[in-house]
Amino acid sequence: MEKEQKKNIKNDNIKKENLASEEDDHSDQPEEQTDDYKSKGEDDKRELTAEEKVFDLEDKLARTFAEMENQRRRFEKEKEDAFEYGGFSFAKEALSLIDNFERSKSILENDVNLKDTDALKKTLEHFDIIHKDLISIFKKNNIKQIDSLNKKLDPNFHQAMMEIEDDTKEPGTIIQEIQKGFTIKDRLLRPSLVGVAKKTQEKTAKTEETSENSETK
């Protein structure tokens, strides 16, 4: 009995030793894996060659110079716009002077009490002189009137306010200017307010009737 107990104890000890050795083997595996990762990381972080360093620096310099050039061009464009169109708002407001002069002239011309008087003639002469001076100052600053009368309606420069029956003009032709339009260089200060020609209703009705008759035949 004692011999059998000793044998069992020996067997138990052997099993425990085997289990301990297996645990040691498993615990060693992660260390081996981490060592592999370290070796791979070291390979990835290998030192660049001299040629690669030069190429990398040249690329960074090229990108920096390109960005600097773009910024310089943007600055130049903003400076040009500020110089050329800096007075855009002032010019737009100044157009009211022209409008007020023309309205005042029209009121005086239509005044029955002043009609055909010397005072009216002299006043209108002075109005014309001041008006011409204003237009001359505008032109020197590249502010120009838009030609409208007898021109085809251009939505970039004209705004149609009404249609006027007129068979002597092509439909869409400007035959009345309500308010003058102006440009500053290549920009629109304000559009011309105009009236455009259209065919008379009687004529259009007749053309429709004749077309219907021809279709029935």
C-alpha atoms as a PDB file:
ATOM      1  CA  MET A   1       0.000   0.000   0.000  1.00  0.00           C
ATOM      2  CA  GLU A   2       2.777   2.389   0.875  1.00  0.00           C
ATOM      3  CA  LYS A   3       4.497   1.607  -2.422  1.00  0.00           C
ATOM      4  CA  GLU A   4       1.340   2.341  -4.389  1.00  0.00           C
ATOM      5  CA  GLN A   5       0.835   5.652  -2.543  1.00  0.00           C
ATOM      6  CA  LYS A   6       4.436   6.656  -3.328  1.00  0.00           C
ATOM      7  CA  LYS A   7       3.882   5.813  -7.001  1.00  0.00           C
ATOM      8  CA  ASN A   8       0.715   7.959  -7.104  1.00  0.00           C
ATOM      9  CA  ILE A   9       2.531  10.856  -5.476  1.00  0.00           C
ATOM     10  CA  LYS A  10       5.341  10.562  -8.028  1.00  0.00           C
ATOM     11  CA  ASN A  11       2.826  10.521 -10.890  1.00  0.00           C
ATOM     12  CA  ASP A  12       1.091  13.614  -9.508  1.00  0.00           C
ATOM     13  CA  ASN A  13       4.394  15.439  -9.245  1.00  0.00           C
ATOM     14  CA  ILE A  14       5.279  14.506 -12.845  1.00  0.00           C
ATOM     15  CA  LYS A  15       1.901  15.803 -14.074  1.00  0.00           C
ATOM     16  CA  LYS A  16       2.388  19.081 -12.204  1.00  0.00           C
ATOM     17  CA  GLU A  17       5.868  19.488 -13.696  1.00  0.00           C
ATOM     18  CA  ASN A  18       4.493  18.836 -17.212  1.00  0.00           C
ATOM     19  CA  LEU A  19       1.726  21.425 -16.714  1.00  0.00           C
ATOM     20  CA  ALA A  20       4.197  23.995 -15.451  1.00  0.00           C
ATOM     21  CA  SER A  21       6.496  23.411 -18.450  1.00  0.00           C
ATOM     22  CA  GLU A  22       3.539  23.826 -20.849  1.00  0.00           C
ATOM     23  CA  GLU A  23       2.577  27.120 -19.190  1.00  0.00           C
ATOM     24  CA  ASP A  24       6.156  28.323 -19.539  1.00  0.00           C
ATOM     25  CA  ASP A  25       6.117  27.455 -23.245  1.00  0.00           C
ATOM     26  CA  HIS A  26       2.886  29.449 -23.797  1.00  0.00           C
ATOM     27  CA  SER A  27       4.211  32.403 -21.857  1.00  0.00           C
ATOM     28  CA  ASP A  28       7.286  32.482 -24.104  1.00  0.00           C
ATOM     29  CA  GLN A  29       5.259  32.731 -27.351  1.00  0.00           C
ATOM     30  CA  PRO A  30       4.006  36.377 -26.963  1.00  0.00           C
ATOM     31  CA  GLU A  31       7.552  37.501 -26.284  1.00  0.00           C
ATOM     32  CA  GLU A  32       8.650  35.891 -29.509  1.00  0.00           C
ATOM     33  CA  GLN A  33       5.754  37.602 -31.370  1.00  0.00           C
ATOM     34  CA  THR A  34       6.568  41.018 -29.889  1.00  0.00           C
ATOM     35  CA  ASP A  35      10.153  40.484 -30.918  1.00  0.00           C
ATOM     36  CA  ASP A  36       8.956  39.832 -34.486  1.00  0.00           C
ATOM     37  CA  TYR A  37       6.854  43.039 -34.469  1.00  0.00           C
ATOM     38  CA  LYS A  38       9.803  44.986 -33.139  1.00  0.00           C
ATOM     39  CA  SER A  39      12.028  43.693 -35.897  1.00  0.00           C
ATOM     40  CA  LYS A  40       9.402  44.613 -38.512  1.00  0.00           C
ATOM     41  CA  GLY A  41       8.969  48.121 -37.031  1.00  0.00           C
ATOM     42  CA  GLU A  42      12.710  48.594 -37.066  1.00  0.00           C
ATOM     43  CA  ASP A  43      12.774  47.598 -40.728  1.00  0.00           C
ATOM     44  CA  ASP A  44       9.988  50.121 -41.513  1.00  0.00           C
ATOM     45  CA  LYS A  45      11.780  52.851 -39.602  1.00  0.00           C
ATOM     46  CA  ARG A  46      15.009  52.242 -41.326  1.00  0.00           C
ATOM     47  CA  GLU A  47      17.166  55.240 -41.994  1.00  0.00           C
ATOM     48  CA  LEU A  48      16.617  56.925 -45.364  1.00  0.00           C
ATOM     49  CA  THR A  49      19.435  57.043 -47.837  1.00  0.00           C
ATOM     50  CA  ALA A  50      21.062  60.364 -48.766  1.00  0.00           C
ATOM     51  CA  GLU A  51      19.327  60.377 -52.168  1.00  0.00           C
ATOM     52  CA  GLU A  52      15.922  59.757 -50.561  1.00  0.00           C
ATOM     53  CA  LYS A  53      16.497  62.601 -48.092  1.00  0.00           C
ATOM     54  CA  VAL A  54      17.423  64.990 -50.907  1.00  0.00           C
ATOM     55  CA  PHE A  55      14.364  63.966 -52.926  1.00  0.00           C
ATOM     56  CA  ASP A  56      12.102  64.477 -49.882  1.00  0.00           C
ATOM     57  CA  LEU A  57      13.538  67.942 -49.247  1.00  0.00           C
ATOM     58  CA  GLU A  58      13.163  68.926 -52.916  1.00  0.00           C
ATOM     59  CA  ASP A  59       9.506  67.845 -52.855  1.00  0.00           C
ATOM     60  CA  LYS A  60       8.795  69.881 -49.709  1.00  0.00           C
ATOM     61  CA  LEU A  61      10.532  72.929 -51.185  1.00  0.00           C
ATOM     62  CA  ALA A  62       8.566  72.655 -54.434  1.00  0.00           C
ATOM     63  CA  ARG A  63       5.278  72.469 -52.532  1.00  0.00           C
ATOM     64  CA  THR A  64       6.244  75.467 -50.369  1.00  0.00           C
ATOM     65  CA  PHE A  65       7.216  77.585 -53.392  1.00  0.00           C
ATOM     66  CA  ALA A  66       3.975  76.651 -55.201  1.00  0.00           C
ATOM     67  CA  GLU A  67       1.904  77.710 -52.193  1.00  0.00           C
ATOM     68  CA  MET A  68       3.833  80.986 -51.916  1.00  0.00           C
ATOM     69  CA  GLU A  69       3.251  81.702 -55.614  1.00  0.00           C
ATOM     70  CA  ASN A  70      -0.493  81.069 -55.280  1.00  0.00           C
ATOM     71  CA  GLN A  71      -0.673  83.435 -52.320  1.00  0.00           C
ATOM     72  CA  ARG A  72       1.264  86.100 -54.248  1.00  0.00           C
ATOM     73  CA  ARG A  73      -1.128  85.837 -57.209  1.00  0.00           C
ATOM     74  CA  ARG A  74      -4.174  86.077 -54.934  1.00  0.00           C
ATOM     75  CA  PHE A  75      -2.697  89.151 -53.270  1.00  0.00           C
ATOM     76  CA  GLU A  76      -1.967  90.797 -56.639  1.00  0.00           C
ATOM     77  CA  LYS A  77      -5.523  90.103 -57.853  1.00  0.00           C
ATOM     78  CA  GLU A  78      -7.054  91.522 -54.663  1.00  0.00           C
ATOM     79  CA  LYS A  79      -4.820  94.599 -54.950  1.00  0.00           C
ATOM     80  CA  GLU A  80      -5.833  95.171 -58.587  1.00  0.00           C
ATOM     81  CA  ASP A  81      -9.530  94.774 -57.775  1.00  0.00           C
ATOM     82  CA  ALA A  82      -9.228  97.185 -54.849  1.00  0.00           C
ATOM     83  CA  PHE A  83      -7.482  99.732 -57.078  1.00  0.00           C
ATOM     84  CA  GLU A  84      -9.839  99.371 -60.052  1.00  0.00           C
ATOM     85  CA  TYR A  85     -13.166  98.836 -58.276  1.00  0.00           C
ATOM     86  CA  GLY A  86     -12.505 100.422 -54.890  1.00  0.00           C
ATOM     87  CA  GLY A  87     -14.861 103.294 -55.764  1.00  0.00           C
ATOM     88  CA  PHE A  88     -17.647 101.001 -57.003  1.00  0.00           C
ATOM     89  CA  SER A  89     -20.071 101.881 -54.190  1.00  0.00           C
ATOM     90  CA  PHE A  90     -19.298 105.592 -54.445  1.00  0.00           C
ATOM     91  CA  ALA A  91     -19.818 105.548 -58.226  1.00  0.00           C
ATOM     92  CA  LYS A  92     -23.149 103.751 -57.831  1.00  0.00           C
ATOM     93  CA  GLU A  93     -24.344 106.366 -55.331  1.00  0.00           C
ATOM     94  CA  ALA A  94     -23.082 109.208 -57.544  1.00  0.00           C
ATOM     95  CA  LEU A  95     -25.452 108.132 -60.335  1.00  0.00           C
ATOM     96  CA  SER A  96     -28.277 109.719 -58.330  1.00  0.00           C
ATOM     97  CA  LEU A  97     -26.752 113.114 -59.232  1.00  0.00           C
ATOM     98  CA  ILE A  98     -27.338 112.411 -62.929  1.00  0.00           C
ATOM     99  CA  ASP A  99     -30.882 111.210 -62.232  1.00  0.00           C
ATOM    100  CA  ASN A 100     -31.748 114.284 -60.183  1.00  0.00           C
ATOM    101  CA  PHE A 101     -30.339 116.614 -62.830  1.00  0.00           C
ATOM    102  CA  GLU A 102     -32.401 114.978 -65.572  1.00  0.00           C
ATOM    103  CA  ARG A 103     -35.570 115.003 -63.459  1.00  0.00           C
ATOM    104  CA  SER A 104     -35.091 118.656 -62.571  1.00  0.00           C
ATOM    105  CA  LYS A 105     -34.529 119.552 -66.215  1.00  0.00           C
ATOM    106  CA  SER A 106     -37.659 117.674 -67.261  1.00  0.00           C
ATOM    107  CA  ILE A 107     -39.761 119.455 -64.592  1.00  0.00           C
ATOM    108  CA  LEU A 108     -38.525 122.876 -65.706  1.00  0.00           C
ATOM    109  CA  GLU A 109     -39.142 122.127 -69.380  1.00  0.00           C
ATOM    110  CA  ASN A 110     -42.732 121.085 -68.643  1.00  0.00           C
ATOM    111  CA  ASP A 111     -43.497 124.083 -66.416  1.00  0.00           C
ATOM    112  CA  VAL A 112     -46.174 126.133 -68.207  1.00  0.00           C
ATOM    113  CA  ASN A 113     -45.266 129.375 -66.423  1.00  0.00           C
ATOM    114  CA  LEU A 114     -41.598 129.168 -67.433  1.00  0.00           C
ATOM    115  CA  LYS A 115     -42.115 127.962 -70.995  1.00  0.00           C
ATOM    116  CA  ASP A 116     -40.391 130.078 -73.680  1.00  0.00           C
ATOM    117  CA  THR A 117     -38.858 132.447 -71.121  1.00  0.00           C
ATOM    118  CA  ASP A 118     -35.263 133.673 -71.144  1.00  0.00           C
ATOM    119  CA  ALA A 119     -34.824 132.562 -67.548  1.00  0.00           C
ATOM    120  CA  LEU A 120     -35.706 128.995 -68.488  1.00  0.00           C
ATOM    121  CA  LYS A 121     -33.325 129.012 -71.465  1.00  0.00           C
ATOM    122  CA  LYS A 122     -30.399 130.245 -69.334  1.00  0.00           C
ATOM    123  CA  THR A 123     -31.187 127.757 -66.569  1.00  0.00           C
ATOM    124  CA  LEU A 124     -31.324 124.854 -69.016  1.00  0.00           C
ATOM    125  CA  GLU A 125     -28.022 125.952 -70.556  1.00  0.00           C
ATOM    126  CA  HIS A 126     -26.371 125.832 -67.123  1.00  0.00           C
ATOM    127  CA  PHE A 127     -27.960 122.460 -66.464  1.00  0.00           C
ATOM    128  CA  ASP A 128     -26.498 121.107 -69.710  1.00  0.00           C
ATOM    129  CA  ILE A 129     -23.017 122.421 -68.868  1.00  0.00           C
ATOM    130  CA  ILE A 130     -23.044 120.792 -65.407  1.00  0.00           C
ATOM    131  CA  HIS A 131     -24.460 117.576 -66.868  1.00  0.00           C
ATOM    132  CA  LYS A 132     -21.687 117.402 -69.486  1.00  0.00           C
ATOM    133  CA  ASP A 133     -19.047 118.001 -66.814  1.00  0.00           C
ATOM    134  CA  LEU A 134     -20.440 115.172 -64.705  1.00  0.00           C
ATOM    135  CA  ILE A 135     -20.453 112.780 -67.653  1.00  0.00           C
ATOM    136  CA  SER A 136     -16.877 113.830 -68.508  1.00  0.00           C
ATOM    137  CA  ILE A 137     -15.709 113.123 -64.924  1.00  0.00           C
ATOM    138  CA  PHE A 138     -17.442 109.743 -65.040  1.00  0.00           C
ATOM    139  CA  LYS A 139     -15.733 108.854 -68.325  1.00  0.00           C
ATOM    140  CA  LYS A 140     -12.303 109.748 -66.924  1.00  0.00           C
ATOM    141  CA  ASN A 141     -12.977 107.216 -64.170  1.00  0.00           C
ATOM    142  CA  ASN A 142     -14.152 104.564 -66.684  1.00  0.00           C
ATOM    143  CA  ILE A 143     -17.840 105.048 -65.835  1.00  0.00           C
ATOM    144  CA  LYS A 144     -19.794 104.978 -69.076  1.00  0.00           C
ATOM    145  CA  GLN A 145     -23.421 105.135 -70.147  1.00  0.00           C
ATOM    146  CA  ILE A 146     -24.980 102.031 -71.705  1.00  0.00           C
ATOM    147  CA  ASP A 147     -26.297 102.526 -75.229  1.00  0.00           C
ATOM    148  CA  SER A 148     -29.893 101.372 -75.257  1.00  0.00           C
ATOM    149  CA  LEU A 149     -32.142 103.035 -77.833  1.00  0.00           C
ATOM    150  CA  ASN A 150     -32.694 101.015 -81.022  1.00  0.00           C
ATOM    151  CA  LYS A 151     -30.605  98.167 -79.577  1.00  0.00           C
ATOM    152  CA  LYS A 152     -31.779  94.620 -78.989  1.00  0.00           C
ATOM    153  CA  LEU A 153     -32.632  93.859 -75.385  1.00  0.00           C
ATOM    154  CA  ASP A 154     -29.597  92.439 -73.604  1.00  0.00           C
ATOM    155  CA  PRO A 155     -30.411  91.051 -70.122  1.00  0.00           C
ATOM    156  CA  ASN A 156     -26.786  91.657 -69.104  1.00  0.00           C
ATOM    157  CA  PHE A 157     -27.242  95.428 -69.486  1.00  0.00           C
ATOM    158  CA  HIS A 158     -30.971  96.141 -69.860  1.00  0.00           C
ATOM    159  CA  GLN A 159     -34.054  95.540 -67.740  1.00  0.00           C
ATOM    160  CA  ALA A 160     -37.373  95.590 -69.617  1.00  0.00           C
ATOM    161  CA  MET A 161     -40.029  97.512 -67.695  1.00  0.00           C
ATOM    162  CA  MET A 162     -42.774  97.547 -70.331  1.00  0.00           C
ATOM    163  CA  GLU A 163     -43.756  96.440 -73.820  1.00  0.00           C
ATOM    164  CA  ILE A 164     -44.862  99.047 -76.365  1.00  0.00           C
ATOM    165  CA  GLU A 165     -46.789  98.182 -79.512  1.00  0.00           C
ATOM    166  CA  ASP A 166     -44.762  99.245 -82.530  1.00  0.00           C
ATOM    167  CA  ASP A 167     -44.862  97.539 -85.932  1.00  0.00           C
ATOM    168  CA  THR A 168     -41.973  99.627 -87.280  1.00  0.00           C
ATOM    169  CA  LYS A 169     -39.448  97.914 -84.987  1.00  0.00           C
ATOM    170  CA  GLU A 170     -38.518  94.303 -84.493  1.00  0.00           C
ATOM    171  CA  PRO A 171     -39.984  92.757 -81.321  1.00  0.00           C
ATOM    172  CA  GLY A 172     -37.524  93.069 -78.458  1.00  0.00           C
ATOM    173  CA  THR A 173     -35.976  96.303 -79.802  1.00  0.00           C
ATOM    174  CA  ILE A 174     -35.545  99.039 -77.192  1.00  0.00           C
ATOM    175  CA  ILE A 175     -37.611 102.074 -78.167  1.00  0.00           C
ATOM    176  CA  GLN A 176     -37.784 103.882 -74.828  1.00  0.00           C
ATOM    177  CA  GLU A 177     -35.232 104.524 -72.084  1.00  0.00           C
ATOM    178  CA  ILE A 178     -36.775 105.114 -68.664  1.00  0.00           C
ATOM    179  CA  GLN A 179     -33.517 105.280 -66.709  1.00  0.00           C
ATOM    180  CA  LYS A 180     -29.950 105.280 -68.028  1.00  0.00           C
ATOM    181  CA  GLY A 181     -27.661 102.395 -67.181  1.00  0.00           C
ATOM    182  CA  PHE A 182     -23.935 102.644 -66.453  1.00  0.00           C
ATOM    183  CA  THR A 183     -20.872 100.394 -66.337  1.00  0.00           C
ATOM    184  CA  ILE A 184     -17.537 100.812 -64.584  1.00  0.00           C
ATOM    185  CA  LYS A 185     -14.828  99.176 -66.692  1.00  0.00           C
ATOM    186  CA  ASP A 186     -16.184  95.675 -67.358  1.00  0.00           C
ATOM    187  CA  ARG A 187     -18.665  95.628 -64.452  1.00  0.00           C
ATOM    188  CA  LEU A 188     -22.297  96.676 -64.411  1.00  0.00           C
ATOM    189  CA  LEU A 189     -23.084  99.569 -62.084  1.00  0.00           C
ATOM    190  CA  ARG A 190     -26.787  99.419 -62.835  1.00  0.00           C
ATOM    191  CA  PRO A 191     -28.889  98.211 -65.796  1.00  0.00           C
ATOM    192  CA  SER A 192     -30.823 100.502 -68.124  1.00  0.00           C
ATOM    193  CA  LEU A 193     -34.568 100.490 -67.454  1.00  0.00           C
ATOM    194  CA  VAL A 194     -36.196 100.315 -70.871  1.00  0.00           C
ATOM    195  CA  GLY A 195     -39.368  99.735 -72.860  1.00  0.00           C
ATOM    196  CA  VAL A 196     -39.255  97.261 -75.750  1.00  0.00           C
ATOM    197  CA  ALA A 197     -41.267  97.005 -78.931  1.00  0.00           C
ATOM    198  CA  LYS A 198     -43.871  94.337 -79.607  1.00  0.00           C
ATOM    199  CA  LYS A 199     -46.275  93.686 -82.471  1.00  0.00           C
ATOM    200  CA  THR A 200     -49.780  95.103 -82.263  1.00  0.00           C
ATOM    201  CA  GLN A 201     -52.500  92.732 -81.106  1.00  0.00           C
ATOM    202  CA  GLU A 202     -54.667  93.241 -84.232  1.00  0.00           C
ATOM    203  CA  LYS A 203     -51.818  92.269 -86.488  1.00  0.00           C
ATOM    204  CA  THR A 204     -50.961  89.196 -84.448  1.00  0.00           C
ATOM    205  CA  ALA A 205     -54.638  88.145 -84.422  1.00  0.00           C
ATOM    206  CA  LYS A 206     -54.808  88.449 -88.207  1.00  0.00           C
ATOM    207  CA  THR A 207     -51.658  86.422 -88.709  1.00  0.00           C
ATOM    208  CA  GLU A 208     -53.066  83.712 -86.435  1.00  0.00           C
ATOM    209  CA  GLU A 209     -56.341  83.654 -88.434  1.00  0.00           C
ATOM    210  CA  THR A 210     -54.541  83.376 -91.764  1.00  0.00           C
ATOM    211  CA  SER A 211     -52.361  80.560 -90.417  1.00  0.00           C
ATOM    212  CA  GLU A 212     -55.453  78.690 -89.181  1.00  0.00           C
ATOM    213  CA  ASN A 213     -57.191  79.145 -92.531  1.00  0.00           C
ATOM    214  CA  SER A 214     -54.204  77.850 -94.426  1.00  0.00           C
ATOM    215  CA  GLU A 215     -54.066  74.778 -92.154  1.00  0.00           C
ATOM    216  CA  THR A 216     -57.778  73.967 -92.719  1.00  0.00           C
ATOM    217  CA  LYS A 217     -57.321  74.237 -96.478  1.00  0.00           C
END
